[in-house]
Amino acid sequence: MVDINYMDNVKETVEFSQSPRGKFIQAQALYYGIKKLSEVEGVMREVSNICDMKYLLDVLYPGFETIFDHIENEMRAVK
């Protein structure tokens, strides 16, 4: 259940988003969002959203794409 005190919730959310774990989760969401959106073909492909997400990943979370690529490659090698 969500705490009634909205400002405490906002403060906790901002703190989490700025923590190493929060940054990792946000970068991971962008990484996999980009991958899935890039699979869409034709007119339904949201090119501008993909570009904006890539920009955010590159600028706000530099180096994370390499980490996630490495993890995916390792997972493929194990299969």
PDB file of N, CA and C in Angstrom:
ATOM      1  N   MET A   1       0.845  -1.183   0.000  1.00  0.00           N
ATOM      2  CA  MET A   1       0.000   0.000   0.000  1.00  0.00           C
ATOM      3  C   MET A   1       0.890   1.245   0.000  1.00  0.00           C
ATOM      4  N   VAL A   2       0.492   2.227  -0.742  1.00  0.00           N
ATOM      5  CA  VAL A   2       1.262   3.464  -0.850  1.00  0.00           C
ATOM      6  C   VAL A   2       1.050   4.313   0.391  1.00  0.00           C
ATOM      7  N   ASP A   3       2.161   4.872   0.886  1.00  0.00           N
ATOM      8  CA  ASP A   3       2.097   5.763   2.040  1.00  0.00           C
ATOM      9  C   ASP A   3       1.300   7.010   1.668  1.00  0.00           C
ATOM     10  N   ILE A   4       0.544   7.503   2.622  1.00  0.00           N
ATOM     11  CA  ILE A   4      -0.306   8.675   2.392  1.00  0.00           C
ATOM     12  C   ILE A   4       0.533   9.933   2.157  1.00  0.00           C
ATOM     13  N   ASN A   5       1.695  10.015   2.765  1.00  0.00           N
ATOM     14  CA  ASN A   5       2.510  11.221   2.661  1.00  0.00           C
ATOM     15  C   ASN A   5       3.220  11.269   1.310  1.00  0.00           C
ATOM     16  N   TYR A   6       2.632  11.987   0.385  1.00  0.00           N
ATOM     17  CA  TYR A   6       3.115  12.070  -0.997  1.00  0.00           C
ATOM     18  C   TYR A   6       4.554  12.559  -1.076  1.00  0.00           C
ATOM     19  N   MET A   7       4.897  13.584  -0.336  1.00  0.00           N
ATOM     20  CA  MET A   7       6.237  14.160  -0.429  1.00  0.00           C
ATOM     21  C   MET A   7       7.311  13.181   0.042  1.00  0.00           C
ATOM     22  N   ASP A   8       7.005  12.366   1.042  1.00  0.00           N
ATOM     23  CA  ASP A   8       7.956  11.334   1.452  1.00  0.00           C
ATOM     24  C   ASP A   8       8.155  10.321   0.327  1.00  0.00           C
ATOM     25  N   ASN A   9       7.070   9.952  -0.353  1.00  0.00           N
ATOM     26  CA  ASN A   9       7.169   9.017  -1.469  1.00  0.00           C
ATOM     27  C   ASN A   9       8.016   9.596  -2.598  1.00  0.00           C
ATOM     28  N   VAL A  10       7.800  10.859  -2.904  1.00  0.00           N
ATOM     29  CA  VAL A  10       8.574  11.510  -3.962  1.00  0.00           C
ATOM     30  C   VAL A  10      10.050  11.541  -3.580  1.00  0.00           C
ATOM     31  N   LYS A  11      10.345  11.884  -2.336  1.00  0.00           N
ATOM     32  CA  LYS A  11      11.730  11.955  -1.874  1.00  0.00           C
ATOM     33  C   LYS A  11      12.402  10.586  -1.978  1.00  0.00           C
ATOM     34  N   GLU A  12      11.708   9.545  -1.528  1.00  0.00           N
ATOM     35  CA  GLU A  12      12.266   8.194  -1.602  1.00  0.00           C
ATOM     36  C   GLU A  12      12.489   7.765  -3.046  1.00  0.00           C
ATOM     37  N   THR A  13      11.558   8.108  -3.914  1.00  0.00           N
ATOM     38  CA  THR A  13      11.668   7.738  -5.324  1.00  0.00           C
ATOM     39  C   THR A  13      12.846   8.442  -5.979  1.00  0.00           C
ATOM     40  N   VAL A  14      13.016   9.720  -5.709  1.00  0.00           N
ATOM     41  CA  VAL A  14      14.142  10.474  -6.262  1.00  0.00           C
ATOM     42  C   VAL A  14      15.460   9.908  -5.739  1.00  0.00           C
ATOM     43  N   GLU A  15      15.518   9.619  -4.451  1.00  0.00           N
ATOM     44  CA  GLU A  15      16.733   9.044  -3.874  1.00  0.00           C
ATOM     45  C   GLU A  15      17.069   7.707  -4.527  1.00  0.00           C
ATOM     46  N   PHE A  16      16.048   6.861  -4.700  1.00  0.00           N
ATOM     47  CA  PHE A  16      16.289   5.573  -5.342  1.00  0.00           C
ATOM     48  C   PHE A  16      16.756   5.750  -6.777  1.00  0.00           C
ATOM     49  N   SER A  17      16.119   6.664  -7.510  1.00  0.00           N
ATOM     50  CA  SER A  17      16.486   6.863  -8.914  1.00  0.00           C
ATOM     51  C   SER A  17      17.927   7.343  -9.072  1.00  0.00           C
ATOM     52  N   GLN A  18      18.458   7.995  -8.058  1.00  0.00           N
ATOM     53  CA  GLN A  18      19.823   8.506  -8.117  1.00  0.00           C
ATOM     54  C   GLN A  18      20.838   7.545  -7.511  1.00  0.00           C
ATOM     55  N   SER A  19      20.362   6.447  -6.924  1.00  0.00           N
ATOM     56  CA  SER A  19      21.263   5.462  -6.331  1.00  0.00           C
ATOM     57  C   SER A  19      21.871   4.595  -7.435  1.00  0.00           C
ATOM     58  N   PRO A  20      22.972   3.907  -7.157  1.00  0.00           N
ATOM     59  CA  PRO A  20      23.542   3.009  -8.166  1.00  0.00           C
ATOM     60  C   PRO A  20      22.531   1.973  -8.675  1.00  0.00           C
ATOM     61  N   ARG A  21      21.740   1.403  -7.778  1.00  0.00           N
ATOM     62  CA  ARG A  21      20.727   0.412  -8.185  1.00  0.00           C
ATOM     63  C   ARG A  21      19.659   1.059  -9.065  1.00  0.00           C
ATOM     64  N   GLY A  22      19.203   2.241  -8.688  1.00  0.00           N
ATOM     65  CA  GLY A  22      18.199   2.938  -9.485  1.00  0.00           C
ATOM     66  C   GLY A  22      18.701   3.263 -10.879  1.00  0.00           C
ATOM     67  N   LYS A  23      19.940   3.709 -10.968  1.00  0.00           N
ATOM     68  CA  LYS A  23      20.531   4.020 -12.273  1.00  0.00           C
ATOM     69  C   LYS A  23      20.644   2.760 -13.127  1.00  0.00           C
ATOM     70  N   PHE A  24      21.049   1.657 -12.496  1.00  0.00           N
ATOM     71  CA  PHE A  24      21.161   0.394 -13.226  1.00  0.00           C
ATOM     72  C   PHE A  24      19.807  -0.012 -13.793  1.00  0.00           C
ATOM     73  N   ILE A  25      18.766   0.056 -12.976  1.00  0.00           N
ATOM     74  CA  ILE A  25      17.425  -0.343 -13.401  1.00  0.00           C
ATOM     75  C   ILE A  25      16.926   0.552 -14.541  1.00  0.00           C
ATOM     76  N   GLN A  26      17.146   1.847 -14.429  1.00  0.00           N
ATOM     77  CA  GLN A  26      16.699   2.766 -15.482  1.00  0.00           C
ATOM     78  C   GLN A  26      17.460   2.514 -16.785  1.00  0.00           C
ATOM     79  N   ALA A  27      18.759   2.299 -16.685  1.00  0.00           N
ATOM     80  CA  ALA A  27      19.559   2.014 -17.881  1.00  0.00           C
ATOM     81  C   ALA A  27      19.117   0.705 -18.518  1.00  0.00           C
ATOM     82  N   GLN A  28      18.847  -0.297 -17.690  1.00  0.00           N
ATOM     83  CA  GLN A  28      18.392  -1.591 -18.197  1.00  0.00           C
ATOM     84  C   GLN A  28      17.041  -1.455 -18.903  1.00  0.00           C
ATOM     85  N   ALA A  29      16.143  -0.688 -18.333  1.00  0.00           N
ATOM     86  CA  ALA A  29      14.827  -0.469 -18.956  1.00  0.00           C
ATOM     87  C   ALA A  29      14.982   0.200 -20.316  1.00  0.00           C
ATOM     88  N   LEU A  30      15.846   1.199 -20.407  1.00  0.00           N
ATOM     89  CA  LEU A  30      16.095   1.848 -21.691  1.00  0.00           C
ATOM     90  C   LEU A  30      16.706   0.868 -22.689  1.00  0.00           C
ATOM     91  N   TYR A  31      17.694   0.111 -22.258  1.00  0.00           N
ATOM     92  CA  TYR A  31      18.391  -0.840 -23.125  1.00  0.00           C
ATOM     93  C   TYR A  31      17.406  -1.834 -23.746  1.00  0.00           C
ATOM     94  N   TYR A  32      16.597  -2.479 -22.893  1.00  0.00           N
ATOM     95  CA  TYR A  32      15.667  -3.477 -23.406  1.00  0.00           C
ATOM     96  C   TYR A  32      14.485  -2.837 -24.134  1.00  0.00           C
ATOM     97  N   GLY A  33      14.100  -1.643 -23.745  1.00  0.00           N
ATOM     98  CA  GLY A  33      13.065  -0.923 -24.481  1.00  0.00           C
ATOM     99  C   GLY A  33      13.516  -0.622 -25.899  1.00  0.00           C
ATOM    100  N   ILE A  34      14.739  -0.178 -26.036  1.00  0.00           N
ATOM    101  CA  ILE A  34      15.312   0.100 -27.363  1.00  0.00           C
ATOM    102  C   ILE A  34      15.328  -1.168 -28.205  1.00  0.00           C
ATOM    103  N   LYS A  35      15.778  -2.258 -27.611  1.00  0.00           N
ATOM    104  CA  LYS A  35      15.854  -3.530 -28.347  1.00  0.00           C
ATOM    105  C   LYS A  35      14.476  -3.968 -28.838  1.00  0.00           C
ATOM    106  N   LYS A  36      13.476  -3.910 -27.973  1.00  0.00           N
ATOM    107  CA  LYS A  36      12.142  -4.365 -28.358  1.00  0.00           C
ATOM    108  C   LYS A  36      11.504  -3.421 -29.375  1.00  0.00           C
ATOM    109  N   LEU A  37      11.620  -2.126 -29.164  1.00  0.00           N
ATOM    110  CA  LEU A  37      11.050  -1.176 -30.120  1.00  0.00           C
ATOM    111  C   LEU A  37      11.727  -1.283 -31.484  1.00  0.00           C
ATOM    112  N   SER A  38      12.998  -1.631 -31.496  1.00  0.00           N
ATOM    113  CA  SER A  38      13.731  -1.774 -32.753  1.00  0.00           C
ATOM    114  C   SER A  38      13.278  -2.991 -33.557  1.00  0.00           C
ATOM    115  N   GLU A  39      12.610  -3.930 -32.926  1.00  0.00           N
ATOM    116  CA  GLU A  39      12.104  -5.117 -33.611  1.00  0.00           C
ATOM    117  C   GLU A  39      10.831  -4.834 -34.409  1.00  0.00           C
ATOM    118  N   VAL A  40      10.165  -3.728 -34.111  1.00  0.00           N
ATOM    119  CA  VAL A  40       8.911  -3.391 -34.794  1.00  0.00           C
ATOM    120  C   VAL A  40       9.221  -2.974 -36.224  1.00  0.00           C
ATOM    121  N   GLU A  41       8.423  -3.487 -37.149  1.00  0.00           N
ATOM    122  CA  GLU A  41       8.627  -3.200 -38.572  1.00  0.00           C
ATOM    123  C   GLU A  41       7.618  -2.180 -39.086  1.00  0.00           C
ATOM    124  N   GLY A  42       7.952  -1.525 -40.166  1.00  0.00           N
ATOM    125  CA  GLY A  42       7.016  -0.675 -40.896  1.00  0.00           C
ATOM    126  C   GLY A  42       6.629   0.605 -40.187  1.00  0.00           C
ATOM    127  N   VAL A  43       5.430   1.069 -40.486  1.00  0.00           N
ATOM    128  CA  VAL A  43       4.973   2.372 -40.011  1.00  0.00           C
ATOM    129  C   VAL A  43       4.744   2.414 -38.505  1.00  0.00           C
ATOM    130  N   MET A  44       4.623   1.267 -37.871  1.00  0.00           N
ATOM    131  CA  MET A  44       4.392   1.227 -36.424  1.00  0.00           C
ATOM    132  C   MET A  44       5.687   1.391 -35.622  1.00  0.00           C
ATOM    133  N   ARG A  45       6.825   1.382 -36.303  1.00  0.00           N
ATOM    134  CA  ARG A  45       8.117   1.549 -35.622  1.00  0.00           C
ATOM    135  C   ARG A  45       8.239   2.996 -35.149  1.00  0.00           C
ATOM    136  N   GLU A  46       8.486   3.175 -33.879  1.00  0.00           N
ATOM    137  CA  GLU A  46       8.568   4.509 -33.278  1.00  0.00           C
ATOM    138  C   GLU A  46      10.024   4.995 -33.280  1.00  0.00           C
ATOM    139  N   VAL A  47      10.460   5.425 -34.448  1.00  0.00           N
ATOM    140  CA  VAL A  47      11.864   5.786 -34.662  1.00  0.00           C
ATOM    141  C   VAL A  47      12.303   6.925 -33.748  1.00  0.00           C
ATOM    142  N   SER A  48      11.485   7.943 -33.607  1.00  0.00           N
ATOM    143  CA  SER A  48      11.888   9.080 -32.772  1.00  0.00           C
ATOM    144  C   SER A  48      12.006   8.662 -31.303  1.00  0.00           C
ATOM    145  N   ASN A  49      11.140   7.769 -30.840  1.00  0.00           N
ATOM    146  CA  ASN A  49      11.240   7.286 -29.463  1.00  0.00           C
ATOM    147  C   ASN A  49      12.511   6.463 -29.262  1.00  0.00           C
ATOM    148  N   ILE A  50      12.828   5.626 -30.246  1.00  0.00           N
ATOM    149  CA  ILE A  50      14.057   4.829 -30.178  1.00  0.00           C
ATOM    150  C   ILE A  50      15.265   5.750 -30.108  1.00  0.00           C
ATOM    151  N   CYS A  51      15.288   6.768 -30.951  1.00  0.00           N
ATOM    152  CA  CYS A  51      16.415   7.721 -30.958  1.00  0.00           C
ATOM    153  C   CYS A  51      16.520   8.461 -29.632  1.00  0.00           C
ATOM    154  N   ASP A  52      15.394   8.892 -29.099  1.00  0.00           N
ATOM    155  CA  ASP A  52      15.410   9.599 -27.812  1.00  0.00           C
ATOM    156  C   ASP A  52      15.876   8.684 -26.686  1.00  0.00           C
ATOM    157  N   MET A  53      15.439   7.439 -26.718  1.00  0.00           N
ATOM    158  CA  MET A  53      15.864   6.485 -25.686  1.00  0.00           C
ATOM    159  C   MET A  53      17.359   6.198 -25.795  1.00  0.00           C
ATOM    160  N   LYS A  54      17.860   6.070 -27.015  1.00  0.00           N
ATOM    161  CA  LYS A  54      19.307   5.863 -27.205  1.00  0.00           C
ATOM    162  C   LYS A  54      20.085   7.064 -26.672  1.00  0.00           C
ATOM    163  N   TYR A  55      19.575   8.250 -26.942  1.00  0.00           N
ATOM    164  CA  TYR A  55      20.211   9.465 -26.443  1.00  0.00           C
ATOM    165  C   TYR A  55      20.287   9.451 -24.911  1.00  0.00           C
ATOM    166  N   LEU A  56      19.156   9.147 -24.261  1.00  0.00           N
ATOM    167  CA  LEU A  56      19.140   9.095 -22.796  1.00  0.00           C
ATOM    168  C   LEU A  56      20.109   8.044 -22.271  1.00  0.00           C
ATOM    169  N   LEU A  57      20.118   6.870 -22.890  1.00  0.00           N
ATOM    170  CA  LEU A  57      21.024   5.815 -22.455  1.00  0.00           C
ATOM    171  C   LEU A  57      22.476   6.240 -22.607  1.00  0.00           C
ATOM    172  N   ASP A  58      22.811   6.835 -23.733  1.00  0.00           N
ATOM    173  CA  ASP A  58      24.199   7.253 -23.990  1.00  0.00           C
ATOM    174  C   ASP A  58      24.653   8.388 -23.081  1.00  0.00           C
ATOM    175  N   VAL A  59      23.773   9.361 -22.855  1.00  0.00           N
ATOM    176  CA  VAL A  59      24.162  10.560 -22.110  1.00  0.00           C
ATOM    177  C   VAL A  59      24.041  10.375 -20.599  1.00  0.00           C
ATOM    178  N   LEU A  60      22.915   9.806 -20.150  1.00  0.00           N
ATOM    179  CA  LEU A  60      22.695   9.679 -18.712  1.00  0.00           C
ATOM    180  C   LEU A  60      23.367   8.451 -18.103  1.00  0.00           C
ATOM    181  N   TYR A  61      23.561   7.415 -18.931  1.00  0.00           N
ATOM    182  CA  TYR A  61      24.109   6.156 -18.418  1.00  0.00           C
ATOM    183  C   TYR A  61      25.231   5.642 -19.318  1.00  0.00           C
ATOM    184  N   PRO A  62      26.279   6.439 -19.486  1.00  0.00           N
ATOM    185  CA  PRO A  62      27.364   6.023 -20.384  1.00  0.00           C
ATOM    186  C   PRO A  62      28.017   4.733 -19.885  1.00  0.00           C
ATOM    187  N   GLY A  63      28.264   3.832 -20.817  1.00  0.00           N
ATOM    188  CA  GLY A  63      28.930   2.575 -20.491  1.00  0.00           C
ATOM    189  C   GLY A  63      27.992   1.433 -20.153  1.00  0.00           C
ATOM    190  N   PHE A  64      26.751   1.739 -19.806  1.00  0.00           N
ATOM    191  CA  PHE A  64      25.819   0.672 -19.429  1.00  0.00           C
ATOM    192  C   PHE A  64      25.461  -0.208 -20.621  1.00  0.00           C
ATOM    193  N   GLU A  65      25.358   0.371 -21.811  1.00  0.00           N
ATOM    194  CA  GLU A  65      25.017  -0.435 -22.993  1.00  0.00           C
ATOM    195  C   GLU A  65      26.051  -1.534 -23.200  1.00  0.00           C
ATOM    196  N   THR A  66      27.315  -1.211 -23.006  1.00  0.00           N
ATOM    197  CA  THR A  66      28.385  -2.199 -23.136  1.00  0.00           C
ATOM    198  C   THR A  66      28.229  -3.307 -22.104  1.00  0.00           C
ATOM    199  N   ILE A  67      27.864  -2.935 -20.902  1.00  0.00           N
ATOM    200  CA  ILE A  67      27.658  -3.929 -19.835  1.00  0.00           C
ATOM    201  C   ILE A  67      26.515  -4.873 -20.211  1.00  0.00           C
ATOM    202  N   PHE A  68      25.396  -4.322 -20.668  1.00  0.00           N
ATOM    203  CA  PHE A  68      24.249  -5.157 -21.016  1.00  0.00           C
ATOM    204  C   PHE A  68      24.533  -6.016 -22.248  1.00  0.00           C
ATOM    205  N   ASP A  69      25.275  -5.472 -23.220  1.00  0.00           N
ATOM    206  CA  ASP A  69      25.682  -6.272 -24.383  1.00  0.00           C
ATOM    207  C   ASP A  69      26.522  -7.461 -23.921  1.00  0.00           C
ATOM    208  N   HIS A  70      27.448  -7.207 -23.011  1.00  0.00           N
ATOM    209  CA  HIS A  70      28.320  -8.269 -22.492  1.00  0.00           C
ATOM    210  C   HIS A  70      27.486  -9.341 -21.778  1.00  0.00           C
ATOM    211  N   ILE A  71      26.542  -8.916 -20.957  1.00  0.00           N
ATOM    212  CA  ILE A  71      25.683  -9.860 -20.241  1.00  0.00           C
ATOM    213  C   ILE A  71      24.892 -10.712 -21.234  1.00  0.00           C
ATOM    214  N   GLU A  72      24.339 -10.088 -22.251  1.00  0.00           N
ATOM    215  CA  GLU A  72      23.571 -10.846 -23.249  1.00  0.00           C
ATOM    216  C   GLU A  72      24.447 -11.836 -23.989  1.00  0.00           C
ATOM    217  N   ASN A  73      25.665 -11.421 -24.349  1.00  0.00           N
ATOM    218  CA  ASN A  73      26.582 -12.325 -25.037  1.00  0.00           C
ATOM    219  C   ASN A  73      26.951 -13.507 -24.169  1.00  0.00           C
ATOM    220  N   GLU A  74      27.159 -13.259 -22.885  1.00  0.00           N
ATOM    221  CA  GLU A  74      27.480 -14.343 -21.944  1.00  0.00           C
ATOM    222  C   GLU A  74      26.291 -15.293 -21.812  1.00  0.00           C
ATOM    223  N   MET A  75      25.097 -14.757 -21.784  1.00  0.00           N
ATOM    224  CA  MET A  75      23.895 -15.597 -21.655  1.00  0.00           C
ATOM    225  C   MET A  75      23.733 -16.474 -22.894  1.00  0.00           C
ATOM    226  N   ARG A  76      24.014 -15.919 -24.072  1.00  0.00           N
ATOM    227  CA  ARG A  76      23.935 -16.702 -25.308  1.00  0.00           C
ATOM    228  C   ARG A  76      24.976 -17.814 -25.322  1.00  0.00           C
ATOM    229  N   ALA A  77      26.149 -17.530 -24.805  1.00  0.00           N
ATOM    230  CA  ALA A  77      27.228 -18.523 -24.788  1.00  0.00           C
ATOM    231  C   ALA A  77      26.898 -19.698 -23.872  1.00  0.00           C
ATOM    232  N   VAL A  78      26.144 -19.436 -22.812  1.00  0.00           N
ATOM    233  CA  VAL A  78      25.786 -20.481 -21.860  1.00  0.00           C
ATOM    234  C   VAL A  78      24.739 -21.428 -22.453  1.00  0.00           C
ATOM    235  N   LYS A  79      23.874 -20.905 -23.318  1.00  0.00           N
ATOM    236  CA  LYS A  79      22.789 -21.726 -23.897  1.00  0.00           C
ATOM    237  C   LYS A  79      23.330 -22.751 -24.810  1.00  0.00           C
TER     238      LYS A  79
END
